[in-house]
Protein backbone atom coordinates (compact mmCIF):
# COMPACT_ATOMS: atom_id res chain seq x y z
CA GLU A 1 14.04 1.28 8.45
CA ILE A 2 15.40 1.10 4.57
CA ARG A 3 18.13 -1.14 4.81
CA SER A 4 20.00 -0.05 1.86
CA ARG A 5 19.87 4.19 1.34
CA THR A 6 21.12 3.07 -2.21
CA HIS A 7 18.12 3.07 -3.48
CA ARG A 8 16.47 6.15 -2.27
CA PRO A 9 17.04 7.75 -6.33
CA VAL A 10 15.07 4.50 -7.52
CA GLN A 11 12.00 5.26 -5.14
CA GLU A 12 12.27 8.85 -6.15
CA ALA A 13 12.43 8.23 -9.87
CA ILE A 14 9.55 6.06 -9.80
CA GLN A 15 7.37 8.33 -7.52
CA GLN A 16 8.25 11.07 -9.93
CA GLN A 17 6.83 9.35 -12.47
CA ILE A 18 3.94 7.68 -11.18
CA SER A 19 3.29 11.77 -10.06
CA GLU A 20 3.70 12.79 -14.02
CA GLN A 21 0.88 9.66 -14.80
CA LEU A 22 -1.17 10.95 -12.01
CA SER A 23 -0.82 15.30 -13.90
CA GLY A 24 -4.37 15.25 -15.52
CA TYR A 25 -6.34 13.53 -12.79
CA SER A 26 -8.51 15.88 -9.73
CA ASP A 27 -9.91 14.04 -7.10
CA VAL A 28 -6.41 11.45 -6.86
CA THR A 29 -3.60 10.54 -3.45
CA LEU A 30 -0.80 8.93 -3.77
CA THR A 31 1.05 7.72 -0.92
CA ALA A 32 4.70 5.93 -0.89
CA SER A 33 6.56 3.97 1.61
CA GLY A 34 8.98 1.98 2.20
CA PHE A 35 10.06 -1.63 3.90
CA GLN A 36 11.74 -4.56 4.47
CA SER A 37 10.69 -7.93 3.31
CA GLY A 38 13.31 -10.55 4.42
CA ASP A 39 16.60 -9.75 2.72
CA ASN A 40 13.92 -7.14 0.14
CA THR A 41 13.74 -4.18 0.13
CA VAL A 42 9.99 -2.97 -0.95
CA TYR A 43 8.63 0.53 -2.25
CA LEU A 44 4.74 0.65 -1.97
CA PHE A 45 3.03 3.17 -3.87
CA THR A 46 -1.36 3.49 -3.13
CA VAL A 47 -3.06 5.62 -5.29
CA ALA A 48 -6.72 6.33 -4.28
CA GLU A 49 -8.75 7.16 -6.74
CA ASN A 50 -10.66 9.37 -4.22
CA ASP A 51 -14.29 9.14 -6.22
CA THR A 52 -14.13 5.47 -7.30
CA GLY A 53 -13.01 3.84 -4.66
CA LEU A 54 -10.06 2.74 -6.98
CA ILE A 55 -7.14 1.37 -4.69
CA THR A 56 -4.15 0.41 -6.84
CA ASN A 57 -0.78 -0.74 -4.91
CA GLN A 58 2.08 -0.72 -6.73
CA TYR A 59 4.74 -2.94 -4.70
CA TYR A 60 8.40 -2.02 -6.69
CA ILE A 61 10.84 -5.44 -5.06
CA VAL A 62 14.16 -3.79 -5.53
CA GLY A 63 17.50 -6.10 -6.65
CA GLU A 64 21.19 -4.61 -7.47
CA LYS A 65 19.71 -2.98 -10.93
CA LYS A 66 16.56 -4.20 -11.25
CA TYR A 67 13.55 -4.50 -9.38
CA CYS A 68 10.60 -6.39 -9.37
CA LEU A 69 6.25 -4.82 -9.79
CA VAL A 70 3.41 -6.37 -8.53
CA GLN A 71 0.55 -4.73 -9.30
CA GLU A 72 -2.67 -4.74 -6.77
CA SER A 73 -6.05 -3.34 -8.15
CA ASN A 74 -9.02 -3.29 -5.63
CA PHE A 75 -12.34 -2.15 -7.04
CA ASP A 76 -13.98 -3.02 -3.58
CA GLU A 77 -11.82 -3.31 -0.88
CA SER A 78 -11.01 -6.92 -0.60
CA GLY A 79 -9.19 -8.24 2.04
CA GLU A 80 -8.37 -11.75 0.72
CA CYS A 81 -6.77 -8.68 -2.40
CA ASP A 82 -4.38 -7.65 -0.07
CA GLU A 83 -3.05 -11.00 1.35
CA VAL A 84 -2.64 -12.09 -2.11
CA ALA A 85 -0.33 -9.08 -2.86
CA LYS A 86 1.25 -9.30 0.75
CA ASN A 87 1.78 -12.98 0.55
CA LEU A 88 3.65 -12.66 -3.25
CA ILE A 89 5.89 -10.33 -1.36
CA LYS A 90 6.96 -12.46 1.33
CA SER A 91 7.50 -15.59 -0.82
CA PHE A 92 9.50 -13.73 -3.61
CA LYS A 93 13.32 -14.20 -3.47
CA TRP A 94 15.69 -13.57 -6.58
CA LYS A 95 17.97 -15.89 -8.24
């Protein structure tokens, strides 16, 4: 469960923005989830282009009045690509 409910408006705003950007596309699926990584709240938005197989993961690491975006575009379902993105999230520290 997400520790801070104050981030909920941030998650909803990001999801709305992505949904608007995708509105002109057909055969695209958007999923959203959230999790804790250490002390960080992370929102994950996944865009799957069903016709091409492209998967784009956008990880938003949310801080106080800021966020950092890590984006992964995976054209061949590479496990290595997924692991690199996940390791970036795990190692992230706000200063």
